[in-house]
N, C-alpha and C. Protein backbone atom coordinates (compact mmCIF):
# COMPACT_ATOMS: atom_id res chain seq x y z
N MET A 1 91.77 101.39 128.73
CA MET A 1 92.64 100.54 127.93
C MET A 1 93.47 101.41 126.97
N ALA A 2 94.75 101.14 126.91
CA ALA A 2 95.63 101.94 126.06
C ALA A 2 95.30 101.70 124.60
N ASP A 3 95.46 102.73 123.80
CA ASP A 3 95.21 102.59 122.37
C ASP A 3 96.22 101.64 121.76
N LYS A 4 95.78 100.89 120.77
CA LYS A 4 96.69 99.99 120.07
C LYS A 4 97.74 100.79 119.32
N MET A 5 99.00 100.40 119.50
CA MET A 5 100.09 101.13 118.87
C MET A 5 100.01 101.04 117.36
N LYS A 6 100.11 102.15 116.69
CA LYS A 6 100.06 102.19 115.24
C LYS A 6 101.33 101.60 114.66
N VAL A 7 101.17 100.74 113.67
CA VAL A 7 102.32 100.13 113.02
C VAL A 7 103.00 101.16 112.13
N SER A 8 104.30 101.27 112.25
CA SER A 8 105.06 102.21 111.43
C SER A 8 106.38 101.55 111.05
N GLU A 9 107.12 102.23 110.22
CA GLU A 9 108.42 101.70 109.79
C GLU A 9 109.35 101.49 110.97
N ASP A 10 109.18 102.28 112.03
CA ASP A 10 110.07 102.20 113.19
C ASP A 10 109.75 101.01 114.10
N ASN A 11 108.50 100.52 114.08
CA ASN A 11 108.17 99.44 115.00
C ASN A 11 107.65 98.16 114.34
N LYS A 12 107.56 98.15 113.01
CA LYS A 12 107.01 96.98 112.31
C LYS A 12 107.87 95.74 112.51
N TYR A 13 109.19 95.90 112.48
CA TYR A 13 110.11 94.78 112.67
C TYR A 13 111.11 95.14 113.77
N PRO A 14 110.67 95.08 115.03
CA PRO A 14 111.53 95.51 116.14
C PRO A 14 112.82 94.70 116.29
N VAL A 15 112.78 93.43 115.88
CA VAL A 15 113.97 92.58 116.01
C VAL A 15 114.86 92.70 114.77
N LEU A 16 114.28 92.55 113.60
CA LEU A 16 115.05 92.58 112.36
C LEU A 16 115.46 94.00 111.96
N GLY A 17 114.69 94.98 112.38
CA GLY A 17 115.02 96.37 112.05
C GLY A 17 114.94 96.67 110.56
N LEU A 18 114.02 96.05 109.85
CA LEU A 18 113.90 96.26 108.41
C LEU A 18 113.34 97.64 108.11
N ARG A 19 113.74 98.18 106.97
CA ARG A 19 113.24 99.47 106.50
C ARG A 19 112.71 99.30 105.08
N ARG A 20 111.79 100.16 104.70
CA ARG A 20 111.24 100.10 103.35
C ARG A 20 112.33 100.30 102.29
N ASP A 21 112.09 99.70 101.14
CA ASP A 21 112.96 99.90 99.99
C ASP A 21 112.57 101.22 99.33
N GLU A 22 113.38 102.24 99.50
CA GLU A 22 113.04 103.57 98.99
C GLU A 22 112.90 103.60 97.47
N LYS A 23 113.62 102.70 96.79
CA LYS A 23 113.53 102.66 95.34
C LYS A 23 112.21 102.03 94.87
N MET A 24 111.53 101.33 95.79
CA MET A 24 110.27 100.68 95.44
C MET A 24 109.13 101.21 96.29
N ILE A 25 109.25 102.43 96.76
CA ILE A 25 108.25 103.01 97.66
C ILE A 25 106.87 103.06 97.00
N HIS A 26 106.84 103.09 95.66
CA HIS A 26 105.58 103.14 94.92
C HIS A 26 104.88 101.78 94.88
N MET A 27 105.52 100.75 95.47
CA MET A 27 104.95 99.40 95.42
C MET A 27 104.51 98.90 96.79
N TYR A 28 104.20 99.83 97.68
CA TYR A 28 103.68 99.45 99.00
C TYR A 28 102.22 99.87 99.10
N SER A 29 101.34 98.92 99.34
CA SER A 29 99.92 99.22 99.55
C SER A 29 99.74 99.74 100.97
N LEU A 30 99.13 100.91 101.08
CA LEU A 30 98.94 101.56 102.38
C LEU A 30 100.25 101.80 103.10
N GLY A 31 101.33 101.82 102.35
CA GLY A 31 102.64 102.10 102.93
C GLY A 31 103.28 100.94 103.66
N GLU A 32 102.57 99.81 103.79
CA GLU A 32 103.08 98.73 104.64
C GLU A 32 103.13 97.37 103.96
N ILE A 33 102.27 97.10 102.98
CA ILE A 33 102.23 95.77 102.36
C ILE A 33 102.88 95.82 100.99
N ARG A 34 103.92 95.04 100.81
CA ARG A 34 104.70 95.06 99.57
C ARG A 34 103.95 94.34 98.46
N ILE A 35 103.77 95.04 97.34
CA ILE A 35 103.17 94.47 96.14
C ILE A 35 104.29 93.97 95.23
N LEU A 36 104.12 92.80 94.67
CA LEU A 36 105.14 92.23 93.79
C LEU A 36 104.83 92.49 92.32
N THR A 37 105.87 92.65 91.54
CA THR A 37 105.73 92.66 90.09
C THR A 37 105.74 91.21 89.62
N PRO A 38 105.29 90.91 88.41
CA PRO A 38 105.34 89.52 87.93
C PRO A 38 106.75 88.93 87.98
N ASN A 39 107.74 89.72 87.63
CA ASN A 39 109.11 89.24 87.65
C ASN A 39 109.54 88.87 89.07
N GLU A 40 109.17 89.70 90.03
CA GLU A 40 109.51 89.41 91.43
C GLU A 40 108.79 88.16 91.92
N TYR A 41 107.53 88.02 91.51
CA TYR A 41 106.78 86.83 91.90
C TYR A 41 107.47 85.56 91.40
N HIS A 42 107.90 85.56 90.15
CA HIS A 42 108.55 84.38 89.59
C HIS A 42 109.92 84.13 90.23
N LYS A 43 110.65 85.19 90.54
CA LYS A 43 111.94 85.04 91.21
C LYS A 43 111.75 84.45 92.61
N LEU A 44 110.75 84.94 93.32
CA LEU A 44 110.47 84.42 94.66
C LEU A 44 110.07 82.96 94.59
N ARG A 45 109.19 82.64 93.67
CA ARG A 45 108.72 81.26 93.54
C ARG A 45 109.88 80.31 93.22
N ALA A 46 110.75 80.74 92.32
CA ALA A 46 111.88 79.90 91.93
C ALA A 46 112.85 79.66 93.08
N ALA A 47 112.92 80.62 94.01
CA ALA A 47 113.86 80.51 95.12
C ALA A 47 113.37 79.58 96.22
N ILE A 48 112.06 79.37 96.30
CA ILE A 48 111.49 78.53 97.35
C ILE A 48 111.78 77.06 97.04
N PRO A 49 112.50 76.35 97.91
CA PRO A 49 112.94 74.99 97.59
C PRO A 49 111.87 73.91 97.75
N LYS A 50 110.94 74.08 98.69
CA LYS A 50 109.97 73.03 98.95
C LYS A 50 108.77 73.14 98.01
N GLU A 51 108.44 72.02 97.37
CA GLU A 51 107.35 72.02 96.42
C GLU A 51 106.02 72.40 97.07
N ARG A 52 105.80 71.96 98.29
CA ARG A 52 104.53 72.28 98.95
C ARG A 52 104.39 73.77 99.20
N HIS A 53 105.51 74.46 99.39
CA HIS A 53 105.47 75.91 99.58
C HIS A 53 105.24 76.62 98.25
N LYS A 54 105.78 76.08 97.17
CA LYS A 54 105.51 76.64 95.84
C LYS A 54 104.02 76.53 95.51
N ILE A 55 103.45 75.36 95.80
CA ILE A 55 102.02 75.13 95.55
C ILE A 55 101.18 76.10 96.37
N LEU A 56 101.54 76.27 97.63
CA LEU A 56 100.81 77.19 98.51
C LEU A 56 100.88 78.62 97.98
N LEU A 57 102.06 79.03 97.54
CA LEU A 57 102.24 80.37 96.99
C LEU A 57 101.35 80.56 95.76
N ASP A 58 101.33 79.58 94.88
CA ASP A 58 100.51 79.67 93.66
C ASP A 58 99.02 79.79 94.00
N ILE A 59 98.55 78.97 94.92
CA ILE A 59 97.13 78.99 95.27
C ILE A 59 96.74 80.32 95.91
N LEU A 60 97.58 80.81 96.80
CA LEU A 60 97.31 82.11 97.42
C LEU A 60 97.26 83.21 96.38
N MET A 61 98.18 83.16 95.43
CA MET A 61 98.28 84.21 94.42
C MET A 61 97.11 84.15 93.43
N ILE A 62 96.85 82.99 92.92
CA ILE A 62 95.82 82.85 91.89
C ILE A 62 94.42 83.13 92.43
N THR A 63 94.14 82.64 93.62
CA THR A 63 92.80 82.82 94.20
C THR A 63 92.62 84.18 94.86
N GLY A 64 93.71 84.76 95.35
CA GLY A 64 93.60 86.01 96.10
C GLY A 64 92.93 85.81 97.45
N MET A 65 92.90 84.58 97.92
CA MET A 65 92.24 84.29 99.19
C MET A 65 93.09 84.76 100.38
N ARG A 66 92.43 85.05 101.47
CA ARG A 66 93.12 85.36 102.72
C ARG A 66 93.82 84.10 103.21
N TYR A 67 94.89 84.29 103.99
CA TYR A 67 95.65 83.12 104.41
C TYR A 67 94.80 82.16 105.24
N ILE A 68 93.99 82.69 106.14
CA ILE A 68 93.15 81.84 106.97
C ILE A 68 92.15 81.08 106.11
N GLU A 69 91.70 81.67 105.03
CA GLU A 69 90.77 80.99 104.13
C GLU A 69 91.43 79.80 103.45
N VAL A 70 92.69 79.96 103.05
CA VAL A 70 93.41 78.86 102.41
C VAL A 70 93.68 77.75 103.42
N GLN A 71 93.99 78.12 104.65
CA GLN A 71 94.16 77.10 105.69
C GLN A 71 92.88 76.30 105.88
N ARG A 72 91.75 76.98 105.89
CA ARG A 72 90.47 76.29 106.07
C ARG A 72 90.05 75.52 104.82
N LEU A 73 90.49 75.99 103.65
CA LEU A 73 90.24 75.25 102.42
C LEU A 73 90.89 73.87 102.49
N TRP A 74 92.08 73.81 103.08
CA TRP A 74 92.79 72.54 103.22
C TRP A 74 91.96 71.54 104.02
N ASP A 75 91.17 72.04 104.97
CA ASP A 75 90.32 71.19 105.81
C ASP A 75 88.96 70.90 105.17
N ASN A 76 88.65 71.59 104.06
CA ASN A 76 87.31 71.49 103.49
C ASN A 76 87.37 71.31 101.97
N LEU A 77 87.64 70.10 101.55
CA LEU A 77 87.73 69.81 100.12
C LEU A 77 86.43 70.10 99.38
N LYS A 78 85.32 70.01 100.09
CA LYS A 78 84.00 70.20 99.46
C LYS A 78 83.80 71.64 98.99
N TRP A 79 84.63 72.57 99.43
CA TRP A 79 84.48 73.96 98.98
C TRP A 79 84.88 74.13 97.51
N TYR A 80 85.60 73.15 96.98
CA TYR A 80 85.99 73.22 95.57
C TYR A 80 85.07 72.36 94.73
N ASN A 81 84.49 72.96 93.71
CA ASN A 81 83.64 72.25 92.76
C ASN A 81 84.48 71.99 91.51
N GLU A 82 84.97 70.76 91.39
CA GLU A 82 85.87 70.44 90.28
C GLU A 82 85.18 70.52 88.94
N GLU A 83 83.91 70.12 88.90
CA GLU A 83 83.17 70.14 87.63
C GLU A 83 83.07 71.56 87.08
N ARG A 84 82.82 72.51 87.93
CA ARG A 84 82.69 73.91 87.49
C ARG A 84 83.99 74.70 87.65
N ASN A 85 84.97 74.09 88.30
CA ASN A 85 86.26 74.73 88.55
C ASN A 85 86.08 76.07 89.26
N ILE A 86 85.38 76.02 90.39
CA ILE A 86 85.18 77.20 91.22
C ILE A 86 85.39 76.83 92.68
N ILE A 87 85.74 77.82 93.48
CA ILE A 87 85.82 77.66 94.93
C ILE A 87 84.69 78.48 95.53
N HIS A 88 83.85 77.82 96.32
CA HIS A 88 82.75 78.53 96.98
C HIS A 88 83.06 78.58 98.47
N LEU A 89 83.27 79.78 98.98
CA LEU A 89 83.61 79.96 100.39
C LEU A 89 82.36 80.32 101.18
N PRO A 90 81.99 79.49 102.14
CA PRO A 90 80.84 79.81 103.00
C PRO A 90 81.25 80.86 104.04
N PRO A 91 80.29 81.41 104.77
CA PRO A 91 80.63 82.46 105.75
C PRO A 91 81.70 82.04 106.75
N GLU A 92 81.73 80.77 107.14
CA GLU A 92 82.69 80.33 108.16
C GLU A 92 84.12 80.23 107.64
N ALA A 93 84.30 80.42 106.33
CA ALA A 93 85.67 80.37 105.78
C ALA A 93 86.53 81.48 106.35
N GLN A 94 85.90 82.61 106.69
CA GLN A 94 86.65 83.74 107.22
C GLN A 94 85.82 84.40 108.31
N ARG A 95 86.21 84.17 109.54
CA ARG A 95 85.51 84.82 110.65
C ARG A 95 86.26 86.10 111.01
N LYS A 96 85.57 87.20 110.86
CA LYS A 96 86.19 88.49 111.16
C LYS A 96 85.39 89.15 112.28
N HIS A 97 86.11 89.67 113.26
CA HIS A 97 85.45 90.27 114.42
C HIS A 97 84.78 91.59 114.06
N LYS A 98 85.36 92.32 113.14
CA LYS A 98 84.87 93.66 112.85
C LYS A 98 83.59 93.64 112.02
N ARG A 99 83.44 92.64 111.19
CA ARG A 99 82.26 92.60 110.33
C ARG A 99 81.95 91.17 109.92
N SER A 100 80.72 90.93 109.56
CA SER A 100 80.35 89.61 109.08
C SER A 100 80.84 89.44 107.65
N GLN A 101 81.31 88.24 107.35
CA GLN A 101 81.85 87.97 106.02
C GLN A 101 80.86 87.13 105.24
N GLN A 102 80.37 87.63 104.12
CA GLN A 102 79.42 86.89 103.33
C GLN A 102 80.12 85.81 102.51
N GLU A 103 79.35 84.79 102.15
CA GLU A 103 79.89 83.75 101.30
C GLU A 103 80.22 84.33 99.93
N ARG A 104 81.18 83.71 99.24
CA ARG A 104 81.53 84.19 97.91
C ARG A 104 82.07 83.05 97.07
N THR A 105 82.03 83.26 95.77
CA THR A 105 82.54 82.27 94.83
C THR A 105 83.76 82.85 94.12
N ILE A 106 84.84 82.10 94.11
CA ILE A 106 86.07 82.54 93.47
C ILE A 106 86.15 81.92 92.09
N GLN A 107 86.04 82.77 91.11
CA GLN A 107 86.13 82.38 89.71
C GLN A 107 86.51 83.63 88.92
N PRO A 108 87.10 83.45 87.76
CA PRO A 108 87.54 82.21 87.13
C PRO A 108 88.86 81.72 87.72
N LEU A 109 89.15 80.46 87.45
CA LEU A 109 90.40 79.84 87.87
C LEU A 109 91.04 79.18 86.64
N PRO A 110 92.35 78.95 86.67
CA PRO A 110 93.01 78.31 85.53
C PRO A 110 92.39 76.95 85.22
N SER A 111 92.45 76.56 83.98
CA SER A 111 91.78 75.33 83.54
C SER A 111 92.33 74.08 84.21
N MET A 112 93.60 74.09 84.59
CA MET A 112 94.21 72.91 85.22
C MET A 112 94.34 73.09 86.73
N PHE A 113 93.55 73.97 87.31
CA PHE A 113 93.70 74.31 88.72
C PHE A 113 93.41 73.13 89.63
N SER A 114 92.59 72.20 89.18
CA SER A 114 92.25 71.03 90.01
C SER A 114 93.50 70.23 90.38
N PHE A 115 94.49 70.18 89.48
CA PHE A 115 95.72 69.44 89.77
C PHE A 115 96.52 70.11 90.88
N ALA A 116 96.55 71.45 90.86
CA ALA A 116 97.26 72.18 91.91
C ALA A 116 96.60 71.93 93.26
N LEU A 117 95.27 71.93 93.28
CA LEU A 117 94.55 71.69 94.53
C LEU A 117 94.74 70.26 95.04
N LYS A 118 94.78 69.29 94.14
CA LYS A 118 94.99 67.90 94.57
C LYS A 118 96.38 67.76 95.19
N ASN A 119 97.37 68.41 94.60
CA ASN A 119 98.71 68.40 95.19
C ASN A 119 98.72 69.12 96.53
N PHE A 120 97.97 70.21 96.61
CA PHE A 120 97.85 70.98 97.86
C PHE A 120 97.28 70.10 98.97
N TRP A 121 96.23 69.36 98.68
CA TRP A 121 95.61 68.51 99.69
C TRP A 121 96.43 67.27 100.02
N ASN A 122 97.32 66.89 99.13
CA ASN A 122 98.19 65.74 99.40
C ASN A 122 99.39 66.10 100.27
N GLU A 123 99.62 67.40 100.42
CA GLU A 123 100.74 67.86 101.25
C GLU A 123 100.27 68.14 102.68
N ARG A 124 101.23 68.47 103.53
CA ARG A 124 100.90 68.83 104.91
C ARG A 124 100.06 70.10 104.95
N ARG A 125 99.36 70.29 106.07
CA ARG A 125 98.55 71.49 106.26
C ARG A 125 99.44 72.73 106.15
N PRO A 126 98.93 73.81 105.57
CA PRO A 126 99.73 75.04 105.47
C PRO A 126 100.25 75.45 106.85
N PRO A 127 101.46 76.00 106.90
CA PRO A 127 102.04 76.38 108.19
C PRO A 127 101.29 77.53 108.83
N ALA A 128 101.61 77.78 110.09
CA ALA A 128 101.04 78.93 110.79
C ALA A 128 101.42 80.19 110.02
N GLU A 129 100.57 81.19 110.08
CA GLU A 129 100.80 82.40 109.28
C GLU A 129 102.15 83.03 109.56
N GLN A 130 102.56 83.07 110.81
CA GLN A 130 103.85 83.67 111.15
C GLN A 130 105.00 82.91 110.50
N ASN A 131 104.90 81.58 110.46
CA ASN A 131 105.93 80.78 109.82
C ASN A 131 105.96 81.02 108.31
N TRP A 132 104.78 81.18 107.72
CA TRP A 132 104.71 81.47 106.29
C TRP A 132 105.34 82.84 105.99
N ASN A 133 105.10 83.80 106.86
CA ASN A 133 105.73 85.10 106.70
C ASN A 133 107.25 84.97 106.67
N HIS A 134 107.79 84.15 107.54
CA HIS A 134 109.24 83.95 107.61
C HIS A 134 109.76 83.30 106.33
N VAL A 135 109.00 82.33 105.79
CA VAL A 135 109.39 81.68 104.54
C VAL A 135 109.48 82.71 103.42
N LEU A 136 108.44 83.51 103.27
CA LEU A 136 108.41 84.52 102.21
C LEU A 136 109.52 85.54 102.37
N GLN A 137 109.74 86.01 103.59
CA GLN A 137 110.76 87.03 103.83
C GLN A 137 112.17 86.49 103.58
N LYS A 138 112.41 85.26 103.98
CA LYS A 138 113.74 84.67 103.77
C LYS A 138 114.08 84.56 102.29
N TYR A 139 113.16 83.99 101.51
CA TYR A 139 113.48 83.76 100.10
C TYR A 139 113.35 85.02 99.26
N ALA A 140 112.55 85.97 99.71
CA ALA A 140 112.54 87.28 99.05
C ALA A 140 113.91 87.92 99.21
N SER A 141 114.43 87.88 100.42
CA SER A 141 115.75 88.45 100.68
C SER A 141 116.83 87.75 99.86
N ASP A 142 116.70 86.43 99.71
CA ASP A 142 117.70 85.65 98.97
C ASP A 142 117.79 86.06 97.51
N VAL A 143 116.67 86.55 96.94
CA VAL A 143 116.68 86.95 95.52
C VAL A 143 116.72 88.47 95.35
N GLY A 144 117.11 89.15 96.41
CA GLY A 144 117.33 90.60 96.30
C GLY A 144 116.09 91.46 96.44
N ILE A 145 115.00 90.90 96.98
CA ILE A 145 113.79 91.69 97.23
C ILE A 145 113.78 92.08 98.70
N ASN A 146 113.74 93.36 98.98
CA ASN A 146 113.68 93.82 100.36
C ASN A 146 112.47 93.18 101.06
N PRO A 147 112.68 92.45 102.17
CA PRO A 147 111.58 91.72 102.80
C PRO A 147 110.60 92.60 103.59
N TYR A 148 110.89 93.89 103.71
CA TYR A 148 109.96 94.76 104.43
C TYR A 148 108.58 94.72 103.75
N GLY A 149 107.56 94.42 104.52
CA GLY A 149 106.20 94.40 103.98
C GLY A 149 105.81 93.13 103.26
N ILE A 150 106.74 92.16 103.17
CA ILE A 150 106.44 90.87 102.56
C ILE A 150 105.79 89.99 103.63
N SER A 151 104.58 89.52 103.38
CA SER A 151 103.87 88.70 104.36
C SER A 151 102.79 87.89 103.67
N ALA A 152 102.00 87.19 104.47
CA ALA A 152 100.90 86.41 103.92
C ALA A 152 99.88 87.28 103.20
N LYS A 153 99.88 88.58 103.49
CA LYS A 153 98.95 89.50 102.83
C LYS A 153 99.45 89.91 101.43
N THR A 154 100.71 89.68 101.16
CA THR A 154 101.31 90.14 99.91
C THR A 154 100.63 89.56 98.67
N THR A 155 100.35 88.26 98.68
CA THR A 155 99.76 87.64 97.49
C THR A 155 98.37 88.20 97.20
N ARG A 156 97.54 88.32 98.22
CA ARG A 156 96.18 88.85 98.04
C ARG A 156 96.22 90.28 97.51
N LYS A 157 97.05 91.11 98.11
CA LYS A 157 97.15 92.50 97.68
C LYS A 157 97.78 92.61 96.29
N THR A 158 98.69 91.71 95.98
CA THR A 158 99.35 91.74 94.67
C THR A 158 98.36 91.42 93.55
N ILE A 159 97.59 90.33 93.70
CA ILE A 159 96.67 89.97 92.63
C ILE A 159 95.58 91.04 92.48
N GLU A 160 95.16 91.64 93.57
CA GLU A 160 94.17 92.72 93.48
C GLU A 160 94.74 93.91 92.72
N SER A 161 95.99 94.24 93.00
CA SER A 161 96.62 95.37 92.31
C SER A 161 96.81 95.07 90.83
N TRP A 162 97.13 93.82 90.49
CA TRP A 162 97.28 93.44 89.09
C TRP A 162 95.95 93.56 88.36
N LEU A 163 94.87 93.13 88.99
CA LEU A 163 93.55 93.21 88.36
C LEU A 163 93.13 94.66 88.14
N VAL A 164 93.43 95.51 89.09
CA VAL A 164 93.14 96.94 88.93
C VAL A 164 93.97 97.52 87.80
N ALA A 165 95.27 97.17 87.79
CA ALA A 165 96.18 97.69 86.75
C ALA A 165 95.75 97.22 85.37
N ALA A 166 95.19 96.01 85.29
CA ALA A 166 94.73 95.46 84.01
C ALA A 166 93.36 95.98 83.62
N GLU A 167 92.83 96.89 84.42
CA GLU A 167 91.56 97.57 84.15
C GLU A 167 90.36 96.62 84.14
N VAL A 168 90.42 95.59 84.99
CA VAL A 168 89.25 94.75 85.21
C VAL A 168 88.24 95.59 85.99
N VAL A 169 86.97 95.43 85.68
CA VAL A 169 85.92 96.20 86.35
C VAL A 169 86.01 95.98 87.86
N GLU A 170 86.09 97.07 88.61
CA GLU A 170 86.35 96.97 90.04
C GLU A 170 85.25 96.23 90.80
N SER A 171 84.01 96.34 90.35
CA SER A 171 82.93 95.62 91.04
C SER A 171 83.14 94.11 90.94
N ARG A 172 83.71 93.65 89.82
CA ARG A 172 83.99 92.22 89.65
C ARG A 172 85.15 91.78 90.54
N ILE A 173 86.13 92.67 90.70
CA ILE A 173 87.24 92.37 91.61
C ILE A 173 86.71 92.22 93.04
N CYS A 174 85.82 93.13 93.42
CA CYS A 174 85.25 93.09 94.77
C CYS A 174 84.49 91.80 95.01
N LEU A 175 83.72 91.35 94.03
CA LEU A 175 82.97 90.11 94.17
C LEU A 175 83.90 88.92 94.33
N ARG A 176 84.94 88.88 93.52
CA ARG A 176 85.89 87.76 93.58
C ARG A 176 86.67 87.75 94.88
N GLN A 177 87.02 88.93 95.37
CA GLN A 177 87.89 89.05 96.53
C GLN A 177 87.13 89.16 97.86
N GLY A 178 85.84 89.37 97.78
CA GLY A 178 85.07 89.44 99.01
C GLY A 178 85.05 90.80 99.66
N HIS A 179 85.28 91.86 98.88
CA HIS A 179 85.19 93.22 99.41
C HIS A 179 83.75 93.70 99.25
N ASN A 180 83.28 94.45 100.23
CA ASN A 180 81.90 94.94 100.14
C ASN A 180 81.81 96.40 99.74
N SER A 181 82.94 96.97 99.31
CA SER A 181 82.93 98.37 98.92
C SER A 181 84.02 98.64 97.90
N LEU A 182 83.71 99.47 96.91
CA LEU A 182 84.72 99.87 95.93
C LEU A 182 85.80 100.74 96.56
N VAL A 183 85.50 101.31 97.74
CA VAL A 183 86.48 102.16 98.43
C VAL A 183 87.76 101.38 98.70
N SER A 184 87.61 100.07 98.94
CA SER A 184 88.77 99.24 99.26
C SER A 184 89.74 99.13 98.10
N MET A 185 89.31 99.48 96.89
CA MET A 185 90.17 99.41 95.71
C MET A 185 90.98 100.69 95.49
N ARG A 186 90.62 101.76 96.17
CA ARG A 186 91.22 103.06 95.86
C ARG A 186 92.71 103.13 96.15
N HIS A 187 93.17 102.43 97.18
CA HIS A 187 94.59 102.55 97.52
C HIS A 187 95.50 101.91 96.48
N TYR A 188 94.93 101.10 95.56
CA TYR A 188 95.74 100.52 94.49
C TYR A 188 96.00 101.53 93.37
N GLN A 189 95.22 102.57 93.33
CA GLN A 189 95.36 103.55 92.25
C GLN A 189 96.65 104.35 92.36
N ASN A 190 97.28 104.34 93.53
CA ASN A 190 98.54 105.06 93.72
C ASN A 190 99.76 104.23 93.37
N LEU A 191 99.56 102.94 93.09
CA LEU A 191 100.68 102.09 92.71
C LEU A 191 101.08 102.41 91.27
N SER A 192 102.35 102.22 90.98
CA SER A 192 102.85 102.58 89.66
C SER A 192 103.62 101.43 89.04
N PHE A 193 103.05 100.84 88.00
CA PHE A 193 103.74 99.79 87.24
C PHE A 193 104.29 100.39 85.96
N SER A 194 105.45 99.91 85.53
CA SER A 194 106.01 100.36 84.27
C SER A 194 105.23 99.73 83.12
N ASP A 195 105.46 100.22 81.91
CA ASP A 195 104.79 99.65 80.74
C ASP A 195 105.13 98.18 80.57
N GLU A 196 106.39 97.83 80.83
CA GLU A 196 106.81 96.44 80.71
C GLU A 196 106.14 95.58 81.77
N GLU A 197 106.02 96.11 82.98
CA GLU A 197 105.36 95.37 84.06
C GLU A 197 103.87 95.18 83.77
N LEU A 198 103.23 96.20 83.20
CA LEU A 198 101.82 96.07 82.83
C LEU A 198 101.63 94.99 81.77
N LYS A 199 102.56 94.95 80.83
CA LYS A 199 102.52 93.91 79.80
C LYS A 199 102.65 92.53 80.43
N ASP A 200 103.57 92.40 81.39
CA ASP A 200 103.78 91.12 82.08
C ASP A 200 102.57 90.74 82.93
N ILE A 201 101.94 91.73 83.55
CA ILE A 201 100.74 91.48 84.36
C ILE A 201 99.63 90.89 83.50
N LYS A 202 99.36 91.51 82.37
CA LYS A 202 98.30 91.02 81.49
C LYS A 202 98.64 89.63 80.93
N LYS A 203 99.91 89.42 80.64
CA LYS A 203 100.34 88.12 80.14
C LYS A 203 100.12 87.03 81.19
N GLN A 204 100.46 87.34 82.44
CA GLN A 204 100.29 86.35 83.51
C GLN A 204 98.83 86.10 83.82
N LEU A 205 98.02 87.14 83.88
CA LEU A 205 96.59 86.97 84.13
C LEU A 205 95.93 86.16 83.01
N ASN A 206 96.37 86.38 81.79
CA ASN A 206 95.86 85.59 80.66
C ASN A 206 96.28 84.13 80.79
N ALA A 207 97.52 83.90 81.23
CA ALA A 207 98.01 82.53 81.39
C ALA A 207 97.19 81.78 82.44
N TRP A 208 96.71 82.51 83.43
CA TRP A 208 95.87 81.91 84.47
C TRP A 208 94.38 81.95 84.11
N ASN A 209 94.06 82.46 82.94
CA ASN A 209 92.67 82.60 82.46
C ASN A 209 91.88 83.65 83.23
N ILE A 210 92.51 84.32 84.15
CA ILE A 210 91.78 85.24 85.02
C ILE A 210 91.32 86.48 84.27
N LEU A 211 92.19 87.07 83.49
CA LEU A 211 91.84 88.30 82.79
C LEU A 211 90.76 88.05 81.75
N GLN A 212 90.94 87.04 80.93
CA GLN A 212 89.99 86.73 79.86
C GLN A 212 88.62 86.35 80.42
N LEU A 213 88.60 85.46 81.42
CA LEU A 213 87.33 84.97 81.92
C LEU A 213 86.62 85.99 82.80
N THR A 214 87.38 86.79 83.54
CA THR A 214 86.75 87.81 84.37
C THR A 214 86.02 88.80 83.48
N ALA A 215 86.62 89.13 82.35
CA ALA A 215 86.01 90.09 81.43
C ALA A 215 84.71 89.55 80.84
N SER A 216 84.56 88.24 80.82
CA SER A 216 83.37 87.66 80.18
C SER A 216 82.26 87.32 81.16
N HIS A 217 82.55 87.40 82.47
CA HIS A 217 81.53 87.03 83.45
C HIS A 217 80.61 88.20 83.75
């Protein structure tokens, strides 16, 4: 069997022919997944016209969940404990061929997060991942963000990078995100946020209660 072709800048987007933004080369995780700054996140969100897509973007970003996990959350309301304001993901939330995925609890969450989830469940099921990628790339491009590396993985990698940049204890990030090794956090150490971006990151994490509550758990 032939080896799987390695993804590179030359073959990642064979039809669109996209190339990395050289001015933002420091914002690509593993060279391929684009990390957003808080300002870019808000610009992207504002550009998305459909409310259900805005809600989906917020949930993906705040929880740091994998896209397939959010799709399955839509089918499983019982995974959210409104009284404790936590999401508990059982092993079947994410089936991975390479390794078994242990159950995990996603906390802390914003105090009004239950309203976002109720709106999420009142909308149509999240689109197929490829369609979601197209949504993100289109509206990123519309607001001047190079769409190379923008995908369903962007939100998860972005919130992880923000938590690392905000100096949250890495073991706590791993527990929240479902990583079984601190090694998975190392590639975020090469990202470079400006002082203003770091200030915005901490402000946004505080607004979502994530920074304050994570530090206390």
